[in-house]
């Protein structure tokens, strides 16, 4: 994602919005201009970044599951029960003598 900040300072702009938009499209990036001073698109920028990260991670997890299923491997992990302390750990913490 490409974010143009300080969009409220239009009189100081060095790159036209159209050029930024064209560059981001060419590079396969989403584009957004923000202004923290005027509270424009700041929250939207964060939501967009988080959404794109979630999509990428979800696609990778799905691909890993499909690959494991195709190779006959299980994606299940080991269950660890933390509710019951082991016999070795009883009384080992903070006991007074």
Protein backbone atom coordinates (compact mmCIF):
# COMPACT_ATOMS: atom_id res chain seq x y z
CA UNK A 1 0.00 0.00 0.00
CA UNK A 2 1.21 3.48 -0.81
CA UNK A 3 0.00 6.30 1.43
CA UNK A 4 0.40 9.96 0.61
CA UNK A 5 0.41 11.89 3.86
CA UNK A 6 -0.21 15.55 4.67
CA UNK A 7 -2.83 15.90 1.95
CA UNK A 8 -4.01 19.03 3.78
CA UNK A 9 -0.84 20.83 2.60
CA UNK A 10 -1.91 20.91 -1.03
CA UNK A 11 0.05 24.10 -1.71
CA UNK A 12 3.29 22.22 -0.87
CA UNK A 13 2.49 19.15 -3.00
CA UNK A 14 5.45 17.87 -4.99
CA UNK A 15 3.77 14.86 -6.65
CA UNK A 16 0.36 15.16 -8.31
CA UNK A 17 -2.27 12.75 -6.99
CA UNK A 18 -2.78 11.37 -10.51
CA UNK A 19 0.93 10.44 -10.74
CA UNK A 20 0.79 8.72 -7.36
CA UNK A 21 -2.33 6.82 -8.36
CA UNK A 22 -0.80 5.74 -11.68
CA UNK A 23 2.43 4.61 -9.99
CA UNK A 24 0.60 2.60 -7.33
CA UNK A 25 -1.56 0.89 -9.98
CA UNK A 26 1.54 0.07 -12.05
CA UNK A 27 3.20 -1.47 -8.99
CA UNK A 28 0.07 -3.35 -7.89
CA UNK A 29 -0.40 -1.25 -4.75
CA UNK A 30 -3.47 0.30 -3.25
CA UNK A 31 -3.23 4.08 -2.85
CA UNK A 32 -4.69 6.48 -0.35
CA UNK A 33 -3.99 10.06 0.64
CA UNK A 34 -4.30 11.01 4.29
CA UNK A 35 -4.31 14.04 6.54
CA UNK A 36 -3.93 13.54 10.27
CA UNK A 37 -4.52 17.26 10.80
CA UNK A 38 -7.95 17.09 9.16
CA UNK A 39 -8.57 13.45 10.19
CA UNK A 40 -9.01 12.33 6.59
CA UNK A 41 -8.47 8.65 5.66
CA UNK A 42 -6.12 7.91 8.60
CA UNK A 43 -8.35 5.23 10.09
CA UNK A 44 -9.19 3.95 6.61
CA UNK A 45 -5.47 3.55 5.86
CA UNK A 46 -4.97 1.39 8.98
CA UNK A 47 -8.06 -0.69 8.24
CA UNK A 48 -6.94 -1.20 4.64
CA UNK A 49 -3.45 -2.31 5.67
CA UNK A 50 -4.81 -4.71 8.29
CA UNK A 51 -7.37 -6.10 5.85
CA UNK A 52 -4.72 -6.72 3.20
CA UNK A 53 -2.41 -8.40 5.73
CA UNK A 54 -5.28 -10.62 6.90
CA UNK A 55 -6.09 -11.63 3.31
CA UNK A 56 -2.46 -12.53 2.57
CA UNK A 57 -2.05 -14.55 5.78
CA UNK A 58 -5.38 -16.33 5.23
CA UNK A 59 -4.41 -17.27 1.66
CA UNK A 60 -1.06 -18.65 2.84
CA UNK A 61 -2.71 -20.66 5.63
CA UNK A 62 -5.26 -22.08 3.20
CA UNK A 63 -2.53 -22.98 0.71
CA UNK A 64 -0.54 -24.71 3.46
CA UNK A 65 -3.61 -26.71 4.52
CA UNK A 66 -4.35 -27.73 0.94
CA UNK A 67 -0.73 -28.71 0.38
CA UNK A 68 -0.67 -30.78 3.56
CA UNK A 69 -3.94 -32.51 2.64
CA UNK A 70 -2.63 -33.28 -0.85
CA UNK A 71 0.52 -34.83 0.64
CA UNK A 72 -1.43 -36.84 3.21
CA UNK A 73 -0.11 -34.90 6.20
CA UNK A 74 -2.23 -33.69 9.07
CA UNK A 75 -2.22 -30.03 10.07
CA UNK A 76 -3.24 -30.84 13.63
CA UNK A 77 -0.91 -29.75 16.37
CA UNK A 78 -0.30 -31.14 19.82
CA UNK A 79 -2.80 -30.30 22.53
CA UNK A 80 -1.27 -29.02 25.74
CA UNK A 81 -3.46 -29.16 28.83
CA UNK A 82 -2.54 -26.27 31.11
CA UNK A 83 -5.38 -26.83 33.59
CA UNK A 84 -3.73 -29.77 35.36
CA UNK A 85 -0.25 -29.19 36.80
CA UNK A 86 2.22 -32.01 36.28
CA UNK A 87 3.41 -34.05 39.26
CA UNK A 88 6.93 -32.57 38.93
CA UNK A 89 5.70 -29.00 39.12
CA UNK A 90 3.52 -29.33 42.26
CA UNK A 91 4.81 -27.20 45.03
CA UNK A 92 7.90 -26.10 43.13
CA UNK A 93 6.85 -22.48 42.89
CA UNK A 94 6.94 -20.13 45.79
CA UNK A 95 6.93 -22.71 48.60
CA UNK A 96 8.07 -21.46 51.98
CA UNK A 97 10.50 -23.42 54.11
